[in-house]
Protein backbone atom coordinates (compact mmCIF):
# COMPACT_ATOMS: atom_id res chain seq x y z
CA MET A 1 7.11 3.01 -19.47
CA LYS A 2 10.21 4.64 -20.75
CA ILE A 3 10.62 6.88 -17.63
CA LYS A 4 11.90 4.79 -14.72
CA PRO A 5 10.97 6.09 -11.21
CA LYS A 6 13.54 6.77 -8.49
CA LYS A 7 12.71 4.32 -5.70
CA ASP A 8 13.28 5.95 -2.31
CA VAL A 9 12.34 5.71 1.35
CA TYR A 10 11.41 8.52 3.77
CA LYS A 11 10.69 7.81 7.30
CA ASP A 12 10.35 4.04 6.67
CA GLN A 13 7.85 4.63 3.93
CA THR A 14 8.72 3.74 0.39
CA TYR A 15 7.68 5.65 -2.76
CA ASN A 16 8.39 5.89 -6.47
CA TYR A 17 9.39 9.29 -7.75
CA PHE A 18 9.04 10.11 -11.43
CA GLU A 19 11.01 13.39 -11.54
CA LEU A 20 10.90 15.37 -14.86
CA GLY A 21 11.73 18.75 -13.42
CA ASN A 22 8.13 19.98 -13.73
CA ASP A 23 6.54 22.62 -11.41
CA LYS A 24 3.54 20.43 -11.03
CA ILE A 25 3.21 17.19 -8.95
CA CYS A 26 0.65 14.32 -8.67
CA PHE A 27 0.55 12.11 -5.68
CA MET A 28 -0.86 8.67 -6.16
CA PHE A 29 -2.58 6.38 -3.59
CA SER A 30 -3.33 2.89 -4.88
CA GLY A 31 -5.92 0.49 -3.58
CA THR A 32 -4.98 -2.68 -1.66
CA GLY A 33 -5.51 -5.01 -4.54
CA TYR A 34 -5.44 -2.42 -7.36
CA THR A 35 -1.65 -1.46 -7.36
CA TYR A 36 0.36 0.84 -9.61
CA ASP A 37 0.91 -1.83 -12.21
CA LYS A 38 -2.84 -2.23 -12.82
CA PRO A 39 -4.14 -0.68 -16.10
CA LEU A 40 -5.93 2.43 -14.74
CA MET A 41 -3.10 3.42 -12.31
CA TYR A 42 -0.32 2.49 -14.93
CA TYR A 43 -1.98 4.60 -17.61
CA SER A 44 -2.80 7.48 -15.22
CA THR A 45 0.80 7.62 -14.27
CA THR A 46 2.02 7.81 -17.86
CA PHE A 47 -0.74 10.29 -18.63
CA MET A 48 0.08 12.59 -15.87
CA LEU A 49 3.73 12.60 -16.96
CA GLU A 50 2.54 13.47 -20.48
CA LEU A 51 0.59 16.30 -18.97
CA GLY A 52 3.64 17.84 -17.38
CA TYR A 53 3.47 16.48 -13.79
CA ASP A 54 6.16 14.86 -11.68
CA VAL A 55 4.46 11.76 -10.08
CA VAL A 56 4.93 10.26 -6.64
CA GLN A 57 3.46 6.73 -6.14
CA ILE A 58 3.24 6.10 -2.35
CA CYS A 59 3.63 2.43 -1.56
CA TYR A 60 1.90 2.59 1.87
CA PHE A 61 0.00 -0.47 2.69
CA GLU A 62 0.12 -3.87 4.17
CA GLN A 63 -2.95 -6.15 3.95
CA GLN A 64 -3.36 -6.64 7.72
CA GLN A 65 -3.57 -2.96 8.27
CA PHE A 66 -6.94 -2.67 6.52
CA GLU A 67 -8.83 -4.89 8.95
CA GLN A 68 -10.15 -1.81 10.72
CA GLU A 69 -13.05 0.63 10.65
CA PRO A 70 -13.02 2.99 7.54
CA THR A 71 -12.09 6.23 9.53
CA ALA A 72 -9.17 4.31 11.22
CA ILE A 73 -7.93 3.14 7.83
CA SER A 74 -8.20 6.71 6.52
CA GLU A 75 -6.22 8.07 9.38
CA MET A 76 -3.56 5.16 8.97
CA VAL A 77 -2.97 5.85 5.38
CA TYR A 78 -2.90 9.59 5.86
CA SER A 79 -0.31 9.19 8.68
CA ALA A 80 1.81 6.98 6.52
CA THR A 81 1.76 9.10 3.39
CA ASN A 82 1.45 12.64 4.53
CA PRO A 83 5.18 12.90 5.65
CA ILE A 84 6.14 12.10 2.08
CA VAL A 85 3.75 14.55 0.70
CA THR A 86 4.96 17.38 2.98
CA TYR A 87 8.55 16.39 2.29
CA MET A 88 8.09 16.55 -1.50
CA LEU A 89 6.24 19.88 -1.39
CA ASP A 90 8.82 21.41 0.96
CA SER A 91 11.81 20.20 -1.09
CA LYS A 92 10.79 21.87 -4.33
CA PRO A 93 8.74 24.85 -5.27
CA TYR A 94 5.72 23.05 -7.02
CA GLN A 95 2.97 25.25 -8.11
CA GLU A 96 0.15 22.83 -8.49
CA VAL A 97 -0.76 19.50 -6.94
CA VAL A 98 -2.96 16.65 -7.96
CA TYR A 99 -4.05 13.83 -5.48
CA LEU A 100 -5.09 10.73 -7.23
CA GLY A 101 -6.51 7.63 -5.45
CA LYS A 102 -8.07 4.39 -6.14
CA SER A 103 -10.61 2.75 -3.85
CA LEU A 104 -9.17 2.66 -0.31
CA GLY A 105 -6.54 5.18 -1.59
CA THR A 106 -9.25 7.78 -2.02
CA LEU A 107 -10.02 7.98 1.73
CA PRO A 108 -7.03 10.04 2.87
CA ILE A 109 -7.75 12.35 -0.09
CA ILE A 110 -11.49 12.87 0.73
CA ASP A 111 -11.10 12.91 4.49
CA PHE A 112 -7.95 15.07 4.80
CA TYR A 113 -6.52 16.58 1.63
CA MET A 114 -9.78 17.83 0.29
CA GLN A 115 -10.56 19.51 3.67
CA GLN A 116 -7.44 21.51 3.69
CA HIS A 117 -6.77 25.03 2.49
CA THR A 118 -3.74 25.24 0.23
CA SER A 119 -1.79 28.26 -1.16
CA PHE A 120 -1.62 26.78 -4.58
CA PRO A 121 -4.13 25.07 -6.93
CA SER A 122 -4.99 21.49 -5.89
CA ARG A 123 -7.06 18.93 -7.79
CA TYR A 124 -8.47 15.61 -6.65
CA VAL A 125 -9.07 12.44 -8.70
CA LEU A 126 -11.16 9.66 -7.03
CA PHE A 127 -11.37 6.37 -8.84
CA THR A 128 -14.13 4.16 -7.36
CA PRO A 129 -14.39 5.94 -4.00
CA LEU A 130 -16.04 3.99 -1.20
CA LEU A 131 -19.45 5.71 -1.27
CA SER A 132 -20.94 3.13 0.94
CA PHE A 133 -18.98 4.57 3.82
CA GLU A 134 -21.24 7.26 5.44
CA HIS A 135 -18.44 9.64 6.32
CA THR A 136 -17.25 9.62 2.76
CA LEU A 137 -20.41 11.13 1.32
CA HIS A 138 -20.37 13.66 4.17
CA ASN A 139 -16.84 14.79 3.37
CA LEU A 140 -17.53 15.05 -0.35
CA GLN A 141 -20.22 17.68 0.11
CA ASP A 142 -19.55 21.03 -1.19
CA LYS A 143 -16.14 19.95 -2.69
CA HIS A 144 -15.14 19.48 -6.14
CA ALA A 145 -13.29 16.50 -7.63
CA PHE A 146 -13.16 14.09 -10.60
CA LEU A 147 -15.02 11.09 -9.52
CA ALA A 148 -15.25 7.77 -11.53
CA ILE A 149 -17.22 4.79 -10.56
CA GLY A 150 -19.01 1.99 -12.31
CA THR A 151 -22.72 1.00 -11.91
CA ALA A 152 -21.71 -2.66 -11.14
CA ASP A 153 -19.36 -1.41 -8.31
CA PRO A 154 -20.67 -2.55 -4.97
CA HIS A 155 -20.07 0.91 -3.57
CA PHE A 156 -22.05 2.52 -6.44
CA SER A 157 -25.11 4.49 -5.41
CA GLN A 158 -27.09 6.79 -7.62
CA GLU A 159 -28.98 8.28 -4.71
CA LYS A 160 -25.56 9.41 -3.19
CA LEU A 161 -24.22 10.47 -6.50
CA ASP A 162 -27.25 12.73 -6.97
CA GLN A 163 -26.03 14.61 -3.99
CA LEU A 164 -22.64 15.31 -5.52
CA ASN A 165 -23.65 17.51 -8.45
CA CYS A 166 -20.65 19.84 -7.90
CA HIS A 167 -18.25 17.15 -8.89
CA HIS A 168 -16.99 16.06 -12.27
CA LEU A 169 -18.65 12.78 -12.53
CA ALA A 170 -17.81 9.84 -14.87
CA ILE A 171 -20.40 7.07 -14.25
CA VAL A 172 -19.47 4.09 -16.26
CA GLU A 173 -22.40 1.58 -16.98
CA SER A 174 -21.87 -1.99 -16.04
CA ALA A 175 -18.23 -1.45 -14.93
CA ASN A 176 -17.12 -3.11 -11.84
CA HIS A 177 -14.78 -1.88 -9.00
CA SER A 178 -11.82 -2.05 -11.32
CA LEU A 179 -13.73 0.09 -13.74
CA GLU A 180 -13.79 -2.80 -16.24
CA LEU A 181 -16.43 -4.81 -17.95
CA VAL A 182 -16.33 -8.62 -17.03
CA ASN A 183 -15.39 -10.75 -19.98
CA ASP A 184 -15.22 -7.81 -22.28
CA THR A 185 -11.48 -6.93 -22.62
CA LEU A 186 -11.77 -4.62 -25.77
CA THR A 187 -14.51 -2.52 -24.21
CA SER A 188 -12.55 -2.24 -20.97
CA ILE A 189 -9.56 -0.88 -22.86
CA THR A 190 -11.82 1.70 -24.54
CA LEU A 191 -13.25 2.60 -21.20
CA CYS A 192 -9.80 3.33 -19.84
CA GLN A 193 -9.13 5.68 -22.69
CA THR A 194 -12.44 7.48 -22.29
CA LEU A 195 -11.74 7.91 -18.59
CA LEU A 196 -8.32 9.36 -19.24
CA LYS A 197 -9.97 11.80 -21.71
CA GLU A 198 -12.47 12.89 -19.02
CA LEU A 199 -9.64 13.25 -16.66
CA GLN A 200 -7.80 15.45 -19.03
CA LEU A 201 -10.79 17.75 -19.31
CA TYR A 202 -10.95 18.07 -15.51
CA ILE A 203 -7.16 18.58 -15.09
CA GLN A 204 -6.79 21.25 -17.77
CA LYS A 205 -9.92 23.31 -16.82
């Protein structure tokens, strides 16, 4: 990546800030094991920069914090990350926001940011959301987001996805929780490209 982020701390919470002087911003929430250097998050970062967004990667987690109930985890992540989100939105007149999360990082997006009313356009990107959590499905009802999940993901449920027909769905056959195919590197690379093309369609609607 040619553009290096500014690494900063706000209220004891670290984050990486890719600032290009844009009027749009993308906040990223990684998973516990799927961090920002993993393929899908890395290329999502570079892609959002190419699409004209500043990017904030929030480094919010410690492993022991996730040995809790799903709603408690969601509240914990939101409490840790929202001060940075609020600070960034107050510090610069951004006109559009994208919230992009992977796995556990989708919880605060679904449970909090998607439930809020904003004065400017907001979009939501959910890579492998935890559909096996009952409250997740409830909070996705009557909302709209880009949602990508593989059929080999333990959180995949066709029955639940059938209830989310208002979302932009990208269902990847045989892909696991990393949205990759086991022992098939070349196809996994192609899948990443396909997902980013679908993401572009959603972002630029």
